[in-house]
């Protein structure tokens, strides 16, 4: 389960280029989320929220594997799940703020370009 989330190997084969350690996916994911977080564009922020939501779904899957299949507990893993949940909450709050700001600017006919 430590490579390709335990999914890539059975689907594409153990020799697949996508069957890399989960940590590589994590590095790419967190870099992408961090980069997207700097944007105040609503579309980028929504895309970021979808990525974070997807990671939370994957966290649930990995938590299931850890606890019920491997019958183990890992504080680093659980901390990662918590970080993903907090990231989702913050990303959704950011979208609410961006939508509210957009509505205020529209109400007062403020041009973003100024």
PDB file of N, CA and C in Angstrom:
ATOM      1  N   UNK A   1       0.811  -1.204   0.000  1.00  0.00           N
ATOM      2  CA  UNK A   1       0.000   0.000   0.000  1.00  0.00           C
ATOM      3  C   UNK A   1       0.854   1.267   0.000  1.00  0.00           C
ATOM      4  N   UNK A   2       2.145   1.111   0.143  1.00  0.00           N
ATOM      5  CA  UNK A   2       3.041   2.257   0.203  1.00  0.00           C
ATOM      6  C   UNK A   2       3.434   2.795  -1.154  1.00  0.00           C
ATOM      7  N   UNK A   3       3.056   2.097  -2.216  1.00  0.00           N
ATOM      8  CA  UNK A   3       3.356   2.553  -3.574  1.00  0.00           C
ATOM      9  C   UNK A   3       2.048   2.637  -4.344  1.00  0.00           C
ATOM     10  N   UNK A   4       1.857   3.725  -5.030  1.00  0.00           N
ATOM     11  CA  UNK A   4       0.663   3.879  -5.853  1.00  0.00           C
ATOM     12  C   UNK A   4      -0.632   3.702  -5.087  1.00  0.00           C
ATOM     13  N   UNK A   5      -0.590   3.971  -3.785  1.00  0.00           N
ATOM     14  CA  UNK A   5      -1.759   3.873  -2.900  1.00  0.00           C
ATOM     15  C   UNK A   5      -2.362   2.473  -2.884  1.00  0.00           C
ATOM     16  N   UNK A   6      -1.583   1.479  -3.310  1.00  0.00           N
ATOM     17  CA  UNK A   6      -2.087   0.116  -3.347  1.00  0.00           C
ATOM     18  C   UNK A   6      -3.076  -0.120  -4.473  1.00  0.00           C
ATOM     19  N   UNK A   7      -3.208   0.885  -5.353  1.00  0.00           N
ATOM     20  CA  UNK A   7      -4.182   0.803  -6.442  1.00  0.00           C
ATOM     21  C   UNK A   7      -3.484   0.661  -7.792  1.00  0.00           C
ATOM     22  N   UNK A   8      -2.413   1.428  -7.986  1.00  0.00           N
ATOM     23  CA  UNK A   8      -1.749   1.501  -9.289  1.00  0.00           C
ATOM     24  C   UNK A   8      -1.156   0.155  -9.682  1.00  0.00           C
ATOM     25  N   UNK A   9      -0.484  -0.514  -8.746  1.00  0.00           N
ATOM     26  CA  UNK A   9       0.138  -1.804  -9.048  1.00  0.00           C
ATOM     27  C   UNK A   9      -0.836  -2.824  -9.613  1.00  0.00           C
ATOM     28  N   UNK A  10      -1.947  -3.095  -8.915  1.00  0.00           N
ATOM     29  CA  UNK A  10      -2.902  -4.071  -9.441  1.00  0.00           C
ATOM     30  C   UNK A  10      -3.555  -3.650 -10.761  1.00  0.00           C
ATOM     31  N   UNK A  11      -3.730  -2.339 -10.961  1.00  0.00           N
ATOM     32  CA  UNK A  11      -4.386  -1.870 -12.186  1.00  0.00           C
ATOM     33  C   UNK A  11      -3.437  -1.784 -13.375  1.00  0.00           C
ATOM     34  N   UNK A  12      -2.250  -1.208 -13.154  1.00  0.00           N
ATOM     35  CA  UNK A  12      -1.327  -0.940 -14.261  1.00  0.00           C
ATOM     36  C   UNK A  12      -0.067  -1.790 -14.217  1.00  0.00           C
ATOM     37  N   UNK A  13       0.100  -2.556 -13.173  1.00  0.00           N
ATOM     38  CA  UNK A  13       1.284  -3.393 -13.023  1.00  0.00           C
ATOM     39  C   UNK A  13       2.312  -2.754 -12.107  1.00  0.00           C
ATOM     40  N   UNK A  14       3.085  -3.615 -11.452  1.00  0.00           N
ATOM     41  CA  UNK A  14       4.088  -3.125 -10.510  1.00  0.00           C
ATOM     42  C   UNK A  14       5.204  -2.344 -11.192  1.00  0.00           C
ATOM     43  N   UNK A  15       5.404  -2.558 -12.489  1.00  0.00           N
ATOM     44  CA  UNK A  15       6.466  -1.861 -13.218  1.00  0.00           C
ATOM     45  C   UNK A  15       6.009  -0.536 -13.814  1.00  0.00           C
ATOM     46  N   UNK A  16       4.765  -0.154 -13.592  1.00  0.00           N
ATOM     47  CA  UNK A  16       4.234   1.091 -14.154  1.00  0.00           C
ATOM     48  C   UNK A  16       4.992   2.293 -13.607  1.00  0.00           C
ATOM     49  N   UNK A  17       5.182   3.287 -14.464  1.00  0.00           N
ATOM     50  CA  UNK A  17       5.853   4.523 -14.070  1.00  0.00           C
ATOM     51  C   UNK A  17       5.049   5.272 -13.007  1.00  0.00           C
ATOM     52  N   UNK A  18       3.760   4.999 -12.908  1.00  0.00           N
ATOM     53  CA  UNK A  18       2.898   5.648 -11.919  1.00  0.00           C
ATOM     54  C   UNK A  18       2.917   4.941 -10.564  1.00  0.00           C
ATOM     55  N   UNK A  19       3.547   3.778 -10.506  1.00  0.00           N
ATOM     56  CA  UNK A  19       3.589   3.015  -9.254  1.00  0.00           C
ATOM     57  C   UNK A  19       4.802   3.444  -8.422  1.00  0.00           C
ATOM     58  N   UNK A  20       4.784   4.701  -8.018  1.00  0.00           N
ATOM     59  CA  UNK A  20       5.876   5.273  -7.223  1.00  0.00           C
ATOM     60  C   UNK A  20       5.445   5.332  -5.759  1.00  0.00           C
ATOM     61  N   UNK A  21       6.390   5.531  -4.851  1.00  0.00           N
ATOM     62  CA  UNK A  21       6.011   5.656  -3.438  1.00  0.00           C
ATOM     63  C   UNK A  21       5.005   6.783  -3.221  1.00  0.00           C
ATOM     64  N   UNK A  22       4.091   6.576  -2.293  1.00  0.00           N
ATOM     65  CA  UNK A  22       3.045   7.563  -2.013  1.00  0.00           C
ATOM     66  C   UNK A  22       3.622   8.929  -1.681  1.00  0.00           C
ATOM     67  N   UNK A  23       4.802   8.955  -1.089  1.00  0.00           N
ATOM     68  CA  UNK A  23       5.443  10.219  -0.733  1.00  0.00           C
ATOM     69  C   UNK A  23       5.686  11.121  -1.929  1.00  0.00           C
ATOM     70  N   UNK A  24       6.000  10.539  -3.088  1.00  0.00           N
ATOM     71  CA  UNK A  24       6.198  11.351  -4.295  1.00  0.00           C
ATOM     72  C   UNK A  24       4.906  12.055  -4.695  1.00  0.00           C
ATOM     73  N   UNK A  25       3.800  11.336  -4.601  1.00  0.00           N
ATOM     74  CA  UNK A  25       2.510  11.963  -4.889  1.00  0.00           C
ATOM     75  C   UNK A  25       2.228  13.072  -3.876  1.00  0.00           C
ATOM     76  N   UNK A  26       2.572  12.823  -2.617  1.00  0.00           N
ATOM     77  CA  UNK A  26       2.358  13.820  -1.572  1.00  0.00           C
ATOM     78  C   UNK A  26       3.159  15.086  -1.799  1.00  0.00           C
ATOM     79  N   UNK A  27       4.417  14.940  -2.184  1.00  0.00           N
ATOM     80  CA  UNK A  27       5.259  16.116  -2.461  1.00  0.00           C
ATOM     81  C   UNK A  27       4.657  16.940  -3.586  1.00  0.00           C
ATOM     82  N   UNK A  28       4.273  16.287  -4.669  1.00  0.00           N
ATOM     83  CA  UNK A  28       3.677  16.990  -5.809  1.00  0.00           C
ATOM     84  C   UNK A  28       2.368  17.664  -5.396  1.00  0.00           C
ATOM     85  N   UNK A  29       1.543  16.946  -4.662  1.00  0.00           N
ATOM     86  CA  UNK A  29       0.246  17.474  -4.230  1.00  0.00           C
ATOM     87  C   UNK A  29       0.406  18.705  -3.345  1.00  0.00           C
ATOM     88  N   UNK A  30       1.232  18.612  -2.318  1.00  0.00           N
ATOM     89  CA  UNK A  30       1.379  19.738  -1.392  1.00  0.00           C
ATOM     90  C   UNK A  30       2.036  20.938  -2.067  1.00  0.00           C
ATOM     91  N   UNK A  31       2.946  20.701  -3.011  1.00  0.00           N
ATOM     92  CA  UNK A  31       3.524  21.810  -3.778  1.00  0.00           C
ATOM     93  C   UNK A  31       2.434  22.505  -4.588  1.00  0.00           C
ATOM     94  N   UNK A  32       1.597  21.723  -5.254  1.00  0.00           N
ATOM     95  CA  UNK A  32       0.521  22.280  -6.071  1.00  0.00           C
ATOM     96  C   UNK A  32      -0.485  23.049  -5.215  1.00  0.00           C
ATOM     97  N   UNK A  33      -0.880  22.486  -4.096  1.00  0.00           N
ATOM     98  CA  UNK A  33      -1.826  23.155  -3.197  1.00  0.00           C
ATOM     99  C   UNK A  33      -1.227  24.456  -2.666  1.00  0.00           C
ATOM    100  N   UNK A  34       0.042  24.423  -2.286  1.00  0.00           N
ATOM    101  CA  UNK A  34       0.696  25.635  -1.783  1.00  0.00           C
ATOM    102  C   UNK A  34       0.744  26.707  -2.861  1.00  0.00           C
ATOM    103  N   UNK A  35       1.087  26.323  -4.085  1.00  0.00           N
ATOM    104  CA  UNK A  35       1.151  27.290  -5.186  1.00  0.00           C
ATOM    105  C   UNK A  35      -0.230  27.876  -5.476  1.00  0.00           C
ATOM    106  N   UNK A  36      -1.250  27.031  -5.519  1.00  0.00           N
ATOM    107  CA  UNK A  36      -2.611  27.508  -5.787  1.00  0.00           C
ATOM    108  C   UNK A  36      -3.132  28.397  -4.658  1.00  0.00           C
ATOM    109  N   UNK A  37      -2.660  28.173  -3.453  1.00  0.00           N
ATOM    110  CA  UNK A  37      -3.143  28.943  -2.302  1.00  0.00           C
ATOM    111  C   UNK A  37      -2.768  30.416  -2.377  1.00  0.00           C
ATOM    112  N   UNK A  38      -1.749  30.744  -3.144  1.00  0.00           N
ATOM    113  CA  UNK A  38      -1.336  32.141  -3.279  1.00  0.00           C
ATOM    114  C   UNK A  38      -2.259  32.934  -4.198  1.00  0.00           C
ATOM    115  N   UNK A  39      -3.077  32.239  -4.969  1.00  0.00           N
ATOM    116  CA  UNK A  39      -3.960  32.907  -5.921  1.00  0.00           C
ATOM    117  C   UNK A  39      -5.263  33.334  -5.245  1.00  0.00           C
ATOM    118  N   UNK A  40      -5.720  34.519  -5.598  1.00  0.00           N
ATOM    119  CA  UNK A  40      -7.033  34.979  -5.136  1.00  0.00           C
ATOM    120  C   UNK A  40      -8.062  34.913  -6.260  1.00  0.00           C
ATOM    121  N   UNK A  41      -7.751  34.192  -7.304  1.00  0.00           N
ATOM    122  CA  UNK A  41      -8.683  33.988  -8.410  1.00  0.00           C
ATOM    123  C   UNK A  41      -9.651  32.883  -8.001  1.00  0.00           C
ATOM    124  N   UNK A  42     -10.930  33.130  -8.162  1.00  0.00           N
ATOM    125  CA  UNK A  42     -11.950  32.196  -7.675  1.00  0.00           C
ATOM    126  C   UNK A  42     -11.848  30.822  -8.344  1.00  0.00           C
ATOM    127  N   UNK A  43     -11.520  30.792  -9.635  1.00  0.00           N
ATOM    128  CA  UNK A  43     -11.435  29.504 -10.339  1.00  0.00           C
ATOM    129  C   UNK A  43     -10.274  28.676  -9.789  1.00  0.00           C
ATOM    130  N   UNK A  44      -9.124  29.309  -9.586  1.00  0.00           N
ATOM    131  CA  UNK A  44      -7.963  28.603  -9.030  1.00  0.00           C
ATOM    132  C   UNK A  44      -8.270  28.137  -7.603  1.00  0.00           C
ATOM    133  N   UNK A  45      -8.923  28.986  -6.833  1.00  0.00           N
ATOM    134  CA  UNK A  45      -9.267  28.622  -5.451  1.00  0.00           C
ATOM    135  C   UNK A  45     -10.252  27.455  -5.413  1.00  0.00           C
ATOM    136  N   UNK A  46     -11.187  27.432  -6.335  1.00  0.00           N
ATOM    137  CA  UNK A  46     -12.126  26.294  -6.388  1.00  0.00           C
ATOM    138  C   UNK A  46     -11.403  25.018  -6.810  1.00  0.00           C
ATOM    139  N   UNK A  47     -10.506  25.134  -7.788  1.00  0.00           N
ATOM    140  CA  UNK A  47      -9.714  23.976  -8.206  1.00  0.00           C
ATOM    141  C   UNK A  47      -8.904  23.449  -7.020  1.00  0.00           C
ATOM    142  N   UNK A  48      -8.328  24.369  -6.258  1.00  0.00           N
ATOM    143  CA  UNK A  48      -7.568  23.989  -5.070  1.00  0.00           C
ATOM    144  C   UNK A  48      -8.465  23.258  -4.070  1.00  0.00           C
ATOM    145  N   UNK A  49      -9.679  23.745  -3.891  1.00  0.00           N
ATOM    146  CA  UNK A  49     -10.620  23.093  -2.973  1.00  0.00           C
ATOM    147  C   UNK A  49     -10.962  21.683  -3.441  1.00  0.00           C
ATOM    148  N   UNK A  50     -11.122  21.507  -4.740  1.00  0.00           N
ATOM    149  CA  UNK A  50     -11.415  20.170  -5.267  1.00  0.00           C
ATOM    150  C   UNK A  50     -10.230  19.230  -5.041  1.00  0.00           C
ATOM    151  N   UNK A  51      -9.014  19.743  -5.244  1.00  0.00           N
ATOM    152  CA  UNK A  51      -7.828  18.928  -4.987  1.00  0.00           C
ATOM    153  C   UNK A  51      -7.760  18.513  -3.521  1.00  0.00           C
ATOM    154  N   UNK A  52      -8.031  19.472  -2.648  1.00  0.00           N
ATOM    155  CA  UNK A  52      -7.975  19.193  -1.214  1.00  0.00           C
ATOM    156  C   UNK A  52      -9.091  18.231  -0.812  1.00  0.00           C
ATOM    157  N   UNK A  53     -10.272  18.381  -1.399  1.00  0.00           N
ATOM    158  CA  UNK A  53     -11.365  17.447  -1.127  1.00  0.00           C
ATOM    159  C   UNK A  53     -10.980  16.036  -1.575  1.00  0.00           C
ATOM    160  N   UNK A  54     -10.363  15.938  -2.749  1.00  0.00           N
ATOM    161  CA  UNK A  54      -9.899  14.644  -3.242  1.00  0.00           C
ATOM    162  C   UNK A  54      -8.881  14.034  -2.278  1.00  0.00           C
ATOM    163  N   UNK A  55      -7.975  14.864  -1.763  1.00  0.00           N
ATOM    164  CA  UNK A  55      -6.978  14.344  -0.821  1.00  0.00           C
ATOM    165  C   UNK A  55      -7.635  13.877   0.476  1.00  0.00           C
ATOM    166  N   UNK A  56      -8.714  14.524   0.879  1.00  0.00           N
ATOM    167  CA  UNK A  56      -9.428  14.084   2.080  1.00  0.00           C
ATOM    168  C   UNK A  56     -10.108  12.737   1.842  1.00  0.00           C
ATOM    169  N   UNK A  57     -10.639  12.546   0.651  1.00  0.00           N
ATOM    170  CA  UNK A  57     -11.223  11.237   0.311  1.00  0.00           C
ATOM    171  C   UNK A  57     -10.135  10.163   0.320  1.00  0.00           C
ATOM    172  N   UNK A  58      -8.982  10.501  -0.237  1.00  0.00           N
ATOM    173  CA  UNK A  58      -7.861   9.567  -0.240  1.00  0.00           C
ATOM    174  C   UNK A  58      -7.374   9.311   1.189  1.00  0.00           C
ATOM    175  N   UNK A  59      -7.409  10.324   2.025  1.00  0.00           N
ATOM    176  CA  UNK A  59      -7.029  10.153   3.434  1.00  0.00           C
ATOM    177  C   UNK A  59      -7.958   9.166   4.132  1.00  0.00           C
ATOM    178  N   UNK A  60      -9.252   9.244   3.827  1.00  0.00           N
ATOM    179  CA  UNK A  60     -10.197   8.283   4.409  1.00  0.00           C
ATOM    180  C   UNK A  60      -9.857   6.859   3.979  1.00  0.00           C
ATOM    181  N   UNK A  61      -9.522   6.702   2.702  1.00  0.00           N
ATOM    182  CA  UNK A  61      -9.136   5.392   2.174  1.00  0.00           C
ATOM    183  C   UNK A  61      -7.877   4.881   2.880  1.00  0.00           C
ATOM    184  N   UNK A  62      -6.870   5.757   2.987  1.00  0.00           N
ATOM    185  CA  UNK A  62      -5.620   5.350   3.626  1.00  0.00           C
ATOM    186  C   UNK A  62      -5.815   5.075   5.118  1.00  0.00           C
ATOM    187  N   UNK A  63      -6.679   5.845   5.764  1.00  0.00           N
ATOM    188  CA  UNK A  63      -6.969   5.607   7.182  1.00  0.00           C
ATOM    189  C   UNK A  63      -7.651   4.247   7.356  1.00  0.00           C
ATOM    190  N   UNK A  64      -8.558   3.922   6.445  1.00  0.00           N
ATOM    191  CA  UNK A  64      -9.214   2.611   6.475  1.00  0.00           C
ATOM    192  C   UNK A  64      -8.170   1.500   6.345  1.00  0.00           C
ATOM    193  N   UNK A  65      -7.284   1.649   5.351  1.00  0.00           N
ATOM    194  CA  UNK A  65      -6.240   0.637   5.161  1.00  0.00           C
ATOM    195  C   UNK A  65      -5.371   0.501   6.409  1.00  0.00           C
ATOM    196  N   UNK A  66      -4.982   1.628   6.955  1.00  0.00           N
ATOM    197  CA  UNK A  66      -4.094   1.619   8.117  1.00  0.00           C
ATOM    198  C   UNK A  66      -4.741   0.917   9.311  1.00  0.00           C
ATOM    199  N   UNK A  67      -5.963   1.298   9.608  1.00  0.00           N
ATOM    200  CA  UNK A  67      -6.590   0.809  10.838  1.00  0.00           C
ATOM    201  C   UNK A  67      -7.213  -0.582  10.684  1.00  0.00           C
ATOM    202  N   UNK A  68      -7.941  -0.800   9.583  1.00  0.00           N
ATOM    203  CA  UNK A  68      -8.696  -2.046   9.448  1.00  0.00           C
ATOM    204  C   UNK A  68      -7.946  -3.144   8.700  1.00  0.00           C
ATOM    205  N   UNK A  69      -7.117  -2.780   7.727  1.00  0.00           N
ATOM    206  CA  UNK A  69      -6.400  -3.801   6.956  1.00  0.00           C
ATOM    207  C   UNK A  69      -5.062  -4.117   7.616  1.00  0.00           C
ATOM    208  N   UNK A  70      -4.274  -3.078   7.874  1.00  0.00           N
ATOM    209  CA  UNK A  70      -2.962  -3.288   8.484  1.00  0.00           C
ATOM    210  C   UNK A  70      -3.036  -3.413  10.006  1.00  0.00           C
ATOM    211  N   UNK A  71      -4.192  -3.046  10.563  1.00  0.00           N
ATOM    212  CA  UNK A  71      -4.415  -3.087  12.013  1.00  0.00           C
ATOM    213  C   UNK A  71      -3.277  -2.406  12.767  1.00  0.00           C
ATOM    214  N   UNK A  72      -3.022  -1.169  12.369  1.00  0.00           N
ATOM    215  CA  UNK A  72      -1.928  -0.398  12.946  1.00  0.00           C
ATOM    216  C   UNK A  72      -2.387   1.039  13.157  1.00  0.00           C
ATOM    217  N   UNK A  73      -1.594   1.805  13.880  1.00  0.00           N
ATOM    218  CA  UNK A  73      -1.863   3.228  14.071  1.00  0.00           C
ATOM    219  C   UNK A  73      -0.538   3.955  13.883  1.00  0.00           C
ATOM    220  N   UNK A  74      -0.600   5.067  13.161  1.00  0.00           N
ATOM    221  CA  UNK A  74       0.607   5.821  12.828  1.00  0.00           C
ATOM    222  C   UNK A  74       0.331   7.293  13.105  1.00  0.00           C
ATOM    223  N   UNK A  75       1.054   7.878  14.053  1.00  0.00           N
ATOM    224  CA  UNK A  75       0.801   9.261  14.437  1.00  0.00           C
ATOM    225  C   UNK A  75       1.103  10.220  13.286  1.00  0.00           C
ATOM    226  N   UNK A  76       2.113   9.923  12.478  1.00  0.00           N
ATOM    227  CA  UNK A  76       2.434  10.778  11.329  1.00  0.00           C
ATOM    228  C   UNK A  76       1.291  10.737  10.319  1.00  0.00           C
ATOM    229  N   UNK A  77       0.749   9.554  10.087  1.00  0.00           N
ATOM    230  CA  UNK A  77      -0.359   9.408   9.143  1.00  0.00           C
ATOM    231  C   UNK A  77      -1.590  10.162   9.633  1.00  0.00           C
ATOM    232  N   UNK A  78      -1.924   9.980  10.900  1.00  0.00           N
ATOM    233  CA  UNK A  78      -3.100  10.644  11.467  1.00  0.00           C
ATOM    234  C   UNK A  78      -2.915  12.155  11.436  1.00  0.00           C
ATOM    235  N   UNK A  79      -1.694  12.622  11.689  1.00  0.00           N
ATOM    236  CA  UNK A  79      -1.410  14.058  11.612  1.00  0.00           C
ATOM    237  C   UNK A  79      -1.609  14.570  10.192  1.00  0.00           C
ATOM    238  N   UNK A  80      -1.190  13.786   9.216  1.00  0.00           N
ATOM    239  CA  UNK A  80      -1.391  14.165   7.816  1.00  0.00           C
ATOM    240  C   UNK A  80      -2.878  14.260   7.495  1.00  0.00           C
ATOM    241  N   UNK A  81      -3.667  13.331   8.001  1.00  0.00           N
ATOM    242  CA  UNK A  81      -5.111  13.385   7.777  1.00  0.00           C
ATOM    243  C   UNK A  81      -5.696  14.657   8.388  1.00  0.00           C
ATOM    244  N   UNK A  82      -5.211  15.026   9.567  1.00  0.00           N
ATOM    245  CA  UNK A  82      -5.690  16.246  10.230  1.00  0.00           C
ATOM    246  C   UNK A  82      -5.293  17.489   9.438  1.00  0.00           C
ATOM    247  N   UNK A  83      -4.072  17.508   8.926  1.00  0.00           N
ATOM    248  CA  UNK A  83      -3.618  18.642   8.104  1.00  0.00           C
ATOM    249  C   UNK A  83      -4.490  18.768   6.863  1.00  0.00           C
ATOM    250  N   UNK A  84      -4.821  17.651   6.244  1.00  0.00           N
ATOM    251  CA  UNK A  84      -5.685  17.685   5.063  1.00  0.00           C
ATOM    252  C   UNK A  84      -7.072  18.221   5.402  1.00  0.00           C
ATOM    253  N   UNK A  85      -7.614  17.825   6.540  1.00  0.00           N
ATOM    254  CA  UNK A  85      -8.928  18.320   6.954  1.00  0.00           C
ATOM    255  C   UNK A  85      -8.885  19.826   7.227  1.00  0.00           C
ATOM    256  N   UNK A  86      -7.862  20.283   7.925  1.00  0.00           N
ATOM    257  CA  UNK A  86      -7.715  21.719   8.198  1.00  0.00           C
ATOM    258  C   UNK A  86      -7.539  22.493   6.896  1.00  0.00           C
ATOM    259  N   UNK A  87      -6.780  21.930   5.965  1.00  0.00           N
ATOM    260  CA  UNK A  87      -6.596  22.576   4.657  1.00  0.00           C
ATOM    261  C   UNK A  87      -7.921  22.738   3.931  1.00  0.00           C
ATOM    262  N   UNK A  88      -8.771  21.721   4.016  1.00  0.00           N
ATOM    263  CA  UNK A  88     -10.083  21.795   3.374  1.00  0.00           C
ATOM    264  C   UNK A  88     -10.931  22.896   3.998  1.00  0.00           C
ATOM    265  N   UNK A  89     -10.945  22.961   5.310  1.00  0.00           N
ATOM    266  CA  UNK A  89     -11.727  24.001   5.998  1.00  0.00           C
ATOM    267  C   UNK A  89     -11.247  25.386   5.586  1.00  0.00           C
ATOM    268  N   UNK A  90      -9.936  25.586   5.577  1.00  0.00           N
ATOM    269  CA  UNK A  90      -9.382  26.895   5.211  1.00  0.00           C
ATOM    270  C   UNK A  90      -9.648  27.238   3.746  1.00  0.00           C
ATOM    271  N   UNK A  91      -9.551  26.245   2.865  1.00  0.00           N
ATOM    272  CA  UNK A  91      -9.802  26.492   1.440  1.00  0.00           C
ATOM    273  C   UNK A  91     -11.257  26.886   1.206  1.00  0.00           C
ATOM    274  N   UNK A  92     -12.175  26.234   1.901  1.00  0.00           N
ATOM    275  CA  UNK A  92     -13.594  26.576   1.749  1.00  0.00           C
ATOM    276  C   UNK A  92     -13.895  27.956   2.321  1.00  0.00           C
ATOM    277  N   UNK A  93     -13.237  28.306   3.420  1.00  0.00           N
ATOM    278  CA  UNK A  93     -13.406  29.652   3.977  1.00  0.00           C
ATOM    279  C   UNK A  93     -12.873  30.706   3.014  1.00  0.00           C
ATOM    280  N   UNK A  94     -11.767  30.409   2.358  1.00  0.00           N
ATOM    281  CA  UNK A  94     -11.195  31.359   1.395  1.00  0.00           C
ATOM    282  C   UNK A  94     -12.165  31.598   0.249  1.00  0.00           C
ATOM    283  N   UNK A  95     -12.795  30.545  -0.236  1.00  0.00           N
ATOM    284  CA  UNK A  95     -13.762  30.702  -1.324  1.00  0.00           C
ATOM    285  C   UNK A  95     -14.926  31.575  -0.876  1.00  0.00           C
ATOM    286  N   UNK A  96     -15.404  31.372   0.340  1.00  0.00           N
ATOM    287  CA  UNK A  96     -16.493  32.216   0.855  1.00  0.00           C
ATOM    288  C   UNK A  96     -16.074  33.680   0.887  1.00  0.00           C
ATOM    289  N   UNK A  97     -14.852  33.956   1.320  1.00  0.00           N
ATOM    290  CA  UNK A  97     -14.355  35.336   1.367  1.00  0.00           C
ATOM    291  C   UNK A  97     -14.247  35.908  -0.041  1.00  0.00           C
ATOM    292  N   UNK A  98     -13.727  35.132  -0.980  1.00  0.00           N
ATOM    293  CA  UNK A  98     -13.596  35.614  -2.357  1.00  0.00           C
ATOM    294  C   UNK A  98     -14.957  35.907  -2.978  1.00  0.00           C
ATOM    295  N   UNK A  99     -15.933  35.053  -2.716  1.00  0.00           N
ATOM    296  CA  UNK A  99     -17.283  35.281  -3.241  1.00  0.00           C
ATOM    297  C   UNK A  99     -17.884  36.532  -2.618  1.00  0.00           C
ATOM    298  N   UNK A 100     -17.718  36.682  -1.308  1.00  0.00           N
ATOM    299  CA  UNK A 100     -18.239  37.874  -0.632  1.00  0.00           C
ATOM    300  C   UNK A 100     -17.570  39.141  -1.173  1.00  0.00           C
ATOM    301  N   UNK A 101     -16.267  39.121  -1.358  1.00  0.00           N
ATOM    302  CA  UNK A 101     -15.552  40.281  -1.899  1.00  0.00           C
ATOM    303  C   UNK A 101     -16.023  40.615  -3.311  1.00  0.00           C
ATOM    304  N   UNK A 102     -16.262  39.577  -4.089  1.00  0.00           N
ATOM    305  CA  UNK A 102     -16.759  39.777  -5.460  1.00  0.00           C
ATOM    306  C   UNK A 102     -18.133  40.441  -5.429  1.00  0.00           C
ATOM    307  N   UNK A 103     -18.988  39.998  -4.532  1.00  0.00           N
ATOM    308  CA  UNK A 103     -20.325  40.585  -4.414  1.00  0.00           C
ATOM    309  C   UNK A 103     -20.250  42.042  -3.961  1.00  0.00           C
ATOM    310  N   UNK A 104     -19.355  42.348  -3.042  1.00  0.00           N
ATOM    311  CA  UNK A 104     -19.187  43.727  -2.575  1.00  0.00           C
ATOM    312  C   UNK A 104     -18.698  44.609  -3.716  1.00  0.00           C
ATOM    313  N   UNK A 105     -17.719  44.114  -4.459  1.00  0.00           N
ATOM    314  CA  UNK A 105     -17.197  44.905  -5.578  1.00  0.00           C
ATOM    315  C   UNK A 105     -18.271  45.137  -6.636  1.00  0.00           C
ATOM    316  N   UNK A 106     -19.089  44.117  -6.877  1.00  0.00           N
ATOM    317  CA  UNK A 106     -20.170  44.281  -7.840  1.00  0.00           C
ATOM    318  C   UNK A 106     -21.210  45.272  -7.336  1.00  0.00           C
ATOM    319  N   UNK A 107     -21.523  45.199  -6.060  1.00  0.00           N
ATOM    320  CA  UNK A 107     -22.532  46.090  -5.478  1.00  0.00           C
ATOM    321  C   UNK A 107     -22.095  47.552  -5.549  1.00  0.00           C
ATOM    322  N   UNK A 108     -20.813  47.778  -5.361  1.00  0.00           N
ATOM    323  CA  UNK A 108     -20.305  49.148  -5.396  1.00  0.00           C
ATOM    324  C   UNK A 108     -19.662  49.497  -6.736  1.00  0.00           C
ATOM    325  N   UNK A 109     -19.795  48.557  -7.682  1.00  0.00           N
ATOM    326  CA  UNK A 109     -19.256  48.736  -9.034  1.00  0.00           C
ATOM    327  C   UNK A 109     -17.775  49.122  -8.993  1.00  0.00           C
ATOM    328  N   UNK A 110     -17.020  48.384  -8.211  1.00  0.00           N
ATOM    329  CA  UNK A 110     -15.582  48.598  -8.096  1.00  0.00           C
ATOM    330  C   UNK A 110     -14.896  47.731  -9.140  1.00  0.00           C
ATOM    331  N   UNK A 111     -14.008  48.345  -9.902  1.00  0.00           N
ATOM    332  CA  UNK A 111     -13.266  47.631 -10.930  1.00  0.00           C
ATOM    333  C   UNK A 111     -12.042  46.979 -10.293  1.00  0.00           C
ATOM    334  N   UNK A 112     -11.856  45.672 -10.513  1.00  0.00           N
ATOM    335  CA  UNK A 112     -10.716  44.954  -9.952  1.00  0.00           C
ATOM    336  C   UNK A 112      -9.389  45.489 -10.481  1.00  0.00           C
ATOM    337  N   UNK A 113      -9.392  45.985 -11.690  1.00  0.00           N
ATOM    338  CA  UNK A 113      -8.154  46.415 -12.332  1.00  0.00           C
ATOM    339  C   UNK A 113      -7.545  47.642 -11.664  1.00  0.00           C
ATOM    340  N   UNK A 114      -8.337  48.400 -10.922  1.00  0.00           N
ATOM    341  CA  UNK A 114      -7.813  49.635 -10.318  1.00  0.00           C
ATOM    342  C   UNK A 114      -7.004  49.365  -9.093  1.00  0.00           C
TER     343      UNK A 114
END
